[in-house]
Amino acid sequence: MNAFRVLAIAAVASVLAAGAAAAKDNGRDCFLQRNVNGFSAASDSTVYVRTGVKEIWRLDLMIPCTGLTFRNGFALQGSPTSGWICRPLDATVIIRNTGITQRCPVSAIHHLTADEAAALPKKLRP
């Protein structure tokens, strides 16, 4: 790898890191796609995901994602450039059910407070 390519990669990484940090500093709640460690579906249009130990997020989908409540083949795709999910356009729910893959864009993201998370029925806690 030549020196120019190494510098270019380093510059891109620096810009991406700065962008992710800025999103966190602008008062927005954000999470990294790779930190999702559980999910549950209230319906085919509402998903709860857990990041870390206590953080729970509600994702409302633009369209129903048929079969989401059956917990088959769930994936969450974050921003392709950084992996951060800070706004609805950063996230897409992907569900694979009986060989068919659906991509369901997110229309709203809400970081649940501790009280809201505690109020969730046990079956909906990711």
N, C-alpha and C. Protein backbone atom coordinates (compact mmCIF):
# COMPACT_ATOMS: atom_id res chain seq x y z
N MET A 1 0.85 -1.16 0.00
CA MET A 1 0.00 0.00 0.00
C MET A 1 0.91 1.24 0.00
N ASN A 2 0.64 2.12 -0.91
CA ASN A 2 1.50 3.30 -0.99
C ASN A 2 1.12 4.34 0.08
N ALA A 3 2.01 5.29 0.30
CA ALA A 3 1.83 6.29 1.36
C ALA A 3 0.59 7.15 1.14
N PHE A 4 0.31 7.48 -0.14
CA PHE A 4 -0.87 8.30 -0.43
C PHE A 4 -2.14 7.58 -0.01
N ARG A 5 -2.23 6.30 -0.32
CA ARG A 5 -3.42 5.52 0.03
C ARG A 5 -3.59 5.44 1.54
N VAL A 6 -2.50 5.24 2.28
CA VAL A 6 -2.56 5.19 3.74
C VAL A 6 -3.05 6.52 4.30
N LEU A 7 -2.54 7.63 3.77
CA LEU A 7 -2.99 8.95 4.22
C LEU A 7 -4.45 9.18 3.90
N ALA A 8 -4.88 8.76 2.73
CA ALA A 8 -6.28 8.94 2.33
C ALA A 8 -7.20 8.15 3.26
N ILE A 9 -6.83 6.92 3.57
CA ILE A 9 -7.64 6.09 4.47
C ILE A 9 -7.69 6.72 5.85
N ALA A 10 -6.56 7.20 6.33
CA ALA A 10 -6.51 7.85 7.64
C ALA A 10 -7.39 9.10 7.67
N ALA A 11 -7.38 9.87 6.60
CA ALA A 11 -8.19 11.09 6.54
C ALA A 11 -9.68 10.75 6.56
N VAL A 12 -10.08 9.75 5.80
CA VAL A 12 -11.49 9.34 5.78
C VAL A 12 -11.91 8.84 7.15
N ALA A 13 -11.08 8.04 7.79
CA ALA A 13 -11.41 7.53 9.13
C ALA A 13 -11.56 8.67 10.12
N SER A 14 -10.71 9.68 10.01
CA SER A 14 -10.77 10.83 10.90
C SER A 14 -12.08 11.61 10.71
N VAL A 15 -12.47 11.81 9.47
CA VAL A 15 -13.71 12.53 9.17
C VAL A 15 -14.91 11.76 9.70
N LEU A 16 -14.93 10.43 9.50
CA LEU A 16 -16.04 9.61 9.99
C LEU A 16 -16.12 9.65 11.51
N ALA A 17 -14.99 9.55 12.17
CA ALA A 17 -14.98 9.59 13.63
C ALA A 17 -15.48 10.94 14.13
N ALA A 18 -15.07 12.01 13.48
CA ALA A 18 -15.51 13.35 13.86
C ALA A 18 -17.01 13.50 13.66
N GLY A 19 -17.53 12.95 12.57
CA GLY A 19 -18.97 13.02 12.30
C GLY A 19 -19.76 12.28 13.34
N ALA A 20 -19.28 11.10 13.75
CA ALA A 20 -19.97 10.32 14.77
C ALA A 20 -19.93 11.05 16.10
N ALA A 21 -18.80 11.62 16.44
CA ALA A 21 -18.70 12.36 17.70
C ALA A 21 -19.61 13.58 17.68
N ALA A 22 -19.69 14.25 16.53
CA ALA A 22 -20.55 15.43 16.42
C ALA A 22 -22.01 15.06 16.63
N ALA A 23 -22.43 13.93 16.11
CA ALA A 23 -23.82 13.49 16.28
C ALA A 23 -24.11 13.26 17.75
N LYS A 24 -23.16 12.73 18.49
CA LYS A 24 -23.35 12.52 19.91
C LYS A 24 -23.35 13.85 20.66
N ASP A 25 -22.58 14.82 20.20
CA ASP A 25 -22.46 16.09 20.89
C ASP A 25 -23.61 17.06 20.59
N ASN A 26 -24.35 16.83 19.53
CA ASN A 26 -25.43 17.74 19.15
C ASN A 26 -26.71 17.49 19.96
N GLY A 27 -26.61 16.71 21.02
CA GLY A 27 -27.78 16.46 21.84
C GLY A 27 -28.65 15.32 21.35
N ARG A 28 -28.25 14.71 20.27
CA ARG A 28 -29.02 13.57 19.76
C ARG A 28 -28.58 12.32 20.49
N ASP A 29 -29.53 11.45 20.75
CA ASP A 29 -29.20 10.13 21.26
C ASP A 29 -28.85 9.25 20.08
N CYS A 30 -27.75 8.55 20.18
CA CYS A 30 -27.28 7.68 19.11
C CYS A 30 -26.82 6.36 19.69
N PHE A 31 -26.79 5.34 18.86
CA PHE A 31 -26.19 4.08 19.27
C PHE A 31 -25.51 3.45 18.06
N LEU A 32 -24.56 2.59 18.34
CA LEU A 32 -23.86 1.88 17.28
C LEU A 32 -24.60 0.61 16.92
N GLN A 33 -24.75 0.36 15.66
CA GLN A 33 -25.42 -0.84 15.17
C GLN A 33 -24.81 -2.09 15.80
N ARG A 34 -23.50 -2.13 15.89
CA ARG A 34 -22.84 -3.34 16.40
C ARG A 34 -23.09 -3.57 17.89
N ASN A 35 -23.64 -2.57 18.61
CA ASN A 35 -23.92 -2.74 20.03
C ASN A 35 -25.31 -3.31 20.30
N VAL A 36 -26.10 -3.54 19.27
CA VAL A 36 -27.42 -4.13 19.46
C VAL A 36 -27.23 -5.59 19.87
N ASN A 37 -27.80 -5.96 21.02
CA ASN A 37 -27.63 -7.32 21.51
C ASN A 37 -28.95 -8.01 21.85
N GLY A 38 -30.04 -7.46 21.38
CA GLY A 38 -31.33 -8.10 21.56
C GLY A 38 -32.43 -7.29 20.90
N PHE A 39 -33.53 -7.96 20.58
CA PHE A 39 -34.66 -7.25 20.00
C PHE A 39 -35.95 -7.97 20.36
N SER A 40 -37.03 -7.24 20.28
CA SER A 40 -38.37 -7.81 20.38
C SER A 40 -39.27 -6.97 19.49
N ALA A 41 -40.34 -7.56 19.03
CA ALA A 41 -41.26 -6.85 18.15
C ALA A 41 -42.63 -6.77 18.79
N ALA A 42 -43.13 -5.56 18.96
CA ALA A 42 -44.47 -5.36 19.50
C ALA A 42 -45.52 -5.64 18.43
N SER A 43 -45.13 -5.36 17.18
CA SER A 43 -46.01 -5.58 16.03
C SER A 43 -45.11 -5.65 14.81
N ASP A 44 -45.72 -5.73 13.63
CA ASP A 44 -44.93 -5.73 12.41
C ASP A 44 -44.43 -4.32 12.05
N SER A 45 -44.77 -3.33 12.89
CA SER A 45 -44.36 -1.94 12.63
C SER A 45 -43.57 -1.30 13.77
N THR A 46 -43.37 -2.03 14.88
CA THR A 46 -42.66 -1.48 16.03
C THR A 46 -41.69 -2.52 16.58
N VAL A 47 -40.42 -2.10 16.73
CA VAL A 47 -39.36 -2.97 17.22
C VAL A 47 -38.69 -2.30 18.40
N TYR A 48 -38.33 -3.09 19.40
CA TYR A 48 -37.51 -2.62 20.51
C TYR A 48 -36.15 -3.30 20.39
N VAL A 49 -35.08 -2.53 20.51
CA VAL A 49 -33.73 -3.11 20.49
C VAL A 49 -33.01 -2.71 21.77
N ARG A 50 -32.15 -3.60 22.22
CA ARG A 50 -31.34 -3.35 23.40
C ARG A 50 -29.90 -3.12 22.97
N THR A 51 -29.29 -2.10 23.55
CA THR A 51 -27.87 -1.87 23.36
C THR A 51 -27.25 -1.85 24.75
N GLY A 52 -26.17 -2.57 24.92
CA GLY A 52 -25.56 -2.66 26.23
C GLY A 52 -26.46 -3.40 27.19
N VAL A 53 -26.42 -3.03 28.47
CA VAL A 53 -27.17 -3.74 29.49
C VAL A 53 -28.56 -3.14 29.70
N LYS A 54 -28.66 -1.81 29.73
CA LYS A 54 -29.92 -1.17 30.12
C LYS A 54 -30.57 -0.31 29.06
N GLU A 55 -29.90 -0.02 27.98
CA GLU A 55 -30.42 0.92 26.99
C GLU A 55 -31.41 0.22 26.05
N ILE A 56 -32.61 0.74 25.94
CA ILE A 56 -33.64 0.19 25.04
C ILE A 56 -34.13 1.32 24.14
N TRP A 57 -34.29 0.99 22.88
CA TRP A 57 -34.73 1.93 21.85
C TRP A 57 -35.96 1.37 21.16
N ARG A 58 -36.93 2.24 20.87
CA ARG A 58 -38.08 1.85 20.06
C ARG A 58 -37.87 2.38 18.65
N LEU A 59 -38.02 1.49 17.68
CA LEU A 59 -37.93 1.86 16.27
C LEU A 59 -39.30 1.66 15.65
N ASP A 60 -39.86 2.72 15.10
CA ASP A 60 -41.13 2.64 14.37
C ASP A 60 -40.79 2.55 12.89
N LEU A 61 -41.44 1.63 12.18
CA LEU A 61 -41.13 1.38 10.79
C LEU A 61 -42.07 2.12 9.86
N MET A 62 -41.57 2.51 8.69
CA MET A 62 -42.38 3.21 7.69
C MET A 62 -43.46 2.31 7.12
N ILE A 63 -43.13 1.03 6.98
CA ILE A 63 -44.07 0.05 6.44
C ILE A 63 -44.05 -1.18 7.34
N PRO A 64 -45.15 -1.93 7.40
CA PRO A 64 -45.11 -3.16 8.19
C PRO A 64 -44.09 -4.14 7.61
N CYS A 65 -43.38 -4.79 8.49
CA CYS A 65 -42.38 -5.79 8.11
C CYS A 65 -43.00 -7.15 8.46
N THR A 66 -43.67 -7.76 7.52
CA THR A 66 -44.45 -8.97 7.75
C THR A 66 -43.60 -10.08 8.35
N GLY A 67 -44.08 -10.66 9.44
CA GLY A 67 -43.39 -11.76 10.09
C GLY A 67 -42.39 -11.32 11.14
N LEU A 68 -42.30 -10.04 11.39
CA LEU A 68 -41.33 -9.53 12.36
C LEU A 68 -41.56 -10.10 13.75
N THR A 69 -42.81 -10.30 14.12
CA THR A 69 -43.12 -10.80 15.46
C THR A 69 -42.75 -12.27 15.64
N PHE A 70 -42.41 -12.96 14.57
CA PHE A 70 -42.02 -14.37 14.69
C PHE A 70 -40.55 -14.53 15.03
N ARG A 71 -39.78 -13.42 15.09
CA ARG A 71 -38.38 -13.41 15.49
C ARG A 71 -37.48 -14.22 14.56
N ASN A 72 -37.81 -14.28 13.31
CA ASN A 72 -36.97 -14.99 12.35
C ASN A 72 -36.03 -14.03 11.65
N GLY A 73 -34.77 -14.33 11.60
CA GLY A 73 -33.80 -13.62 10.78
C GLY A 73 -33.81 -12.11 10.88
N PHE A 74 -33.77 -11.57 12.09
CA PHE A 74 -33.78 -10.12 12.29
C PHE A 74 -32.37 -9.57 12.13
N ALA A 75 -32.26 -8.43 11.46
CA ALA A 75 -31.00 -7.69 11.38
C ALA A 75 -31.33 -6.21 11.35
N LEU A 76 -30.40 -5.42 11.84
CA LEU A 76 -30.55 -3.97 11.82
C LEU A 76 -29.34 -3.41 11.09
N GLN A 77 -29.60 -2.71 10.01
CA GLN A 77 -28.52 -2.10 9.23
C GLN A 77 -28.43 -0.63 9.62
N GLY A 78 -27.23 -0.21 10.00
CA GLY A 78 -26.99 1.18 10.38
C GLY A 78 -26.41 1.96 9.22
N SER A 79 -25.99 3.15 9.52
CA SER A 79 -25.38 4.02 8.52
C SER A 79 -24.18 3.31 7.89
N PRO A 80 -24.14 3.21 6.56
CA PRO A 80 -23.05 2.49 5.92
C PRO A 80 -21.69 3.15 6.11
N THR A 81 -21.66 4.43 6.42
CA THR A 81 -20.37 5.10 6.57
C THR A 81 -19.81 5.02 7.98
N SER A 82 -20.67 4.92 9.00
CA SER A 82 -20.15 4.96 10.37
C SER A 82 -20.68 3.87 11.28
N GLY A 83 -21.84 3.31 10.99
CA GLY A 83 -22.45 2.33 11.88
C GLY A 83 -23.29 2.97 12.99
N TRP A 84 -23.23 4.31 13.11
CA TRP A 84 -24.04 5.01 14.11
C TRP A 84 -25.48 5.11 13.64
N ILE A 85 -26.40 4.98 14.56
CA ILE A 85 -27.82 5.21 14.28
C ILE A 85 -28.26 6.35 15.18
N CYS A 86 -28.50 7.50 14.56
CA CYS A 86 -28.88 8.71 15.29
C CYS A 86 -30.24 9.24 14.83
N ARG A 87 -30.65 8.89 13.65
CA ARG A 87 -31.91 9.38 13.09
C ARG A 87 -32.51 8.27 12.25
N PRO A 88 -33.79 8.34 11.96
CA PRO A 88 -34.45 7.26 11.23
C PRO A 88 -33.78 6.87 9.91
N LEU A 89 -33.28 7.84 9.16
CA LEU A 89 -32.67 7.51 7.87
C LEU A 89 -31.39 6.69 8.01
N ASP A 90 -30.84 6.61 9.22
CA ASP A 90 -29.63 5.83 9.46
C ASP A 90 -29.91 4.34 9.60
N ALA A 91 -31.17 3.94 9.73
CA ALA A 91 -31.48 2.56 10.09
C ALA A 91 -32.48 1.91 9.15
N THR A 92 -32.26 0.63 8.91
CA THR A 92 -33.19 -0.21 8.16
C THR A 92 -33.28 -1.55 8.88
N VAL A 93 -34.49 -1.99 9.13
CA VAL A 93 -34.70 -3.33 9.71
C VAL A 93 -34.78 -4.30 8.55
N ILE A 94 -34.04 -5.39 8.68
CA ILE A 94 -34.05 -6.43 7.66
C ILE A 94 -34.56 -7.71 8.31
N ILE A 95 -35.56 -8.30 7.71
CA ILE A 95 -36.14 -9.52 8.23
C ILE A 95 -36.13 -10.58 7.14
N ARG A 96 -35.67 -11.76 7.51
CA ARG A 96 -35.64 -12.87 6.56
C ARG A 96 -36.60 -13.92 7.10
N ASN A 97 -37.63 -14.22 6.31
CA ASN A 97 -38.67 -15.15 6.72
C ASN A 97 -38.97 -16.08 5.56
N THR A 98 -38.77 -17.35 5.75
CA THR A 98 -38.98 -18.39 4.74
C THR A 98 -38.33 -18.04 3.40
N GLY A 99 -37.08 -17.61 3.47
CA GLY A 99 -36.31 -17.34 2.26
C GLY A 99 -36.57 -16.00 1.60
N ILE A 100 -37.49 -15.23 2.12
CA ILE A 100 -37.80 -13.91 1.55
C ILE A 100 -37.22 -12.84 2.47
N THR A 101 -36.47 -11.92 1.90
CA THR A 101 -35.88 -10.84 2.68
C THR A 101 -36.65 -9.55 2.46
N GLN A 102 -37.04 -8.92 3.56
CA GLN A 102 -37.72 -7.62 3.50
C GLN A 102 -36.81 -6.57 4.12
N ARG A 103 -36.78 -5.42 3.51
CA ARG A 103 -36.05 -4.27 4.04
C ARG A 103 -37.09 -3.23 4.43
N CYS A 104 -37.12 -2.90 5.71
CA CYS A 104 -38.14 -1.99 6.22
C CYS A 104 -37.47 -0.75 6.81
N PRO A 105 -37.61 0.39 6.14
CA PRO A 105 -37.00 1.63 6.64
C PRO A 105 -37.64 2.08 7.95
N VAL A 106 -36.85 2.75 8.76
CA VAL A 106 -37.30 3.24 10.06
C VAL A 106 -37.83 4.66 9.89
N SER A 107 -38.98 4.94 10.52
CA SER A 107 -39.57 6.29 10.42
C SER A 107 -39.35 7.11 11.69
N ALA A 108 -39.10 6.44 12.83
CA ALA A 108 -38.89 7.17 14.08
C ALA A 108 -38.05 6.31 15.03
N ILE A 109 -37.23 6.99 15.82
CA ILE A 109 -36.39 6.33 16.83
C ILE A 109 -36.63 7.04 18.16
N HIS A 110 -36.83 6.25 19.20
CA HIS A 110 -37.04 6.83 20.53
C HIS A 110 -36.20 6.05 21.55
N HIS A 111 -35.36 6.76 22.28
CA HIS A 111 -34.55 6.18 23.35
C HIS A 111 -35.42 6.15 24.60
N LEU A 112 -35.78 4.97 25.07
CA LEU A 112 -36.66 4.86 26.22
C LEU A 112 -35.95 5.33 27.49
N THR A 113 -36.69 6.03 28.33
CA THR A 113 -36.17 6.38 29.65
C THR A 113 -36.19 5.12 30.51
N ALA A 114 -35.57 5.18 31.66
CA ALA A 114 -35.57 4.03 32.57
C ALA A 114 -37.00 3.66 32.97
N ASP A 115 -37.84 4.65 33.21
CA ASP A 115 -39.23 4.39 33.57
C ASP A 115 -40.00 3.75 32.42
N GLU A 116 -39.80 4.25 31.21
CA GLU A 116 -40.48 3.67 30.04
C GLU A 116 -40.03 2.22 29.82
N ALA A 117 -38.75 1.96 29.97
CA ALA A 117 -38.23 0.59 29.80
C ALA A 117 -38.80 -0.33 30.86
N ALA A 118 -38.89 0.14 32.10
CA ALA A 118 -39.45 -0.68 33.19
C ALA A 118 -40.93 -0.95 32.97
N ALA A 119 -41.63 -0.04 32.30
CA ALA A 119 -43.06 -0.21 32.06
C ALA A 119 -43.38 -1.18 30.92
N LEU A 120 -42.37 -1.53 30.13
CA LEU A 120 -42.62 -2.48 29.04
C LEU A 120 -43.02 -3.84 29.61
N PRO A 121 -44.02 -4.48 29.02
CA PRO A 121 -44.33 -5.86 29.44
C PRO A 121 -43.12 -6.75 29.23
N LYS A 122 -42.94 -7.76 30.07
CA LYS A 122 -41.77 -8.63 29.99
C LYS A 122 -41.58 -9.23 28.61
N LYS A 123 -42.66 -9.59 27.94
CA LYS A 123 -42.53 -10.23 26.61
C LYS A 123 -41.99 -9.26 25.55
N LEU A 124 -42.07 -7.95 25.82
CA LEU A 124 -41.56 -6.97 24.86
C LEU A 124 -40.17 -6.46 25.20
N ARG A 125 -39.61 -6.85 26.32
CA ARG A 125 -38.27 -6.41 26.68
C ARG A 125 -37.24 -7.20 25.88
N PRO A 126 -36.43 -6.51 25.14
CA PRO A 126 -35.42 -7.23 24.35
C PRO A 126 -34.32 -7.82 25.23
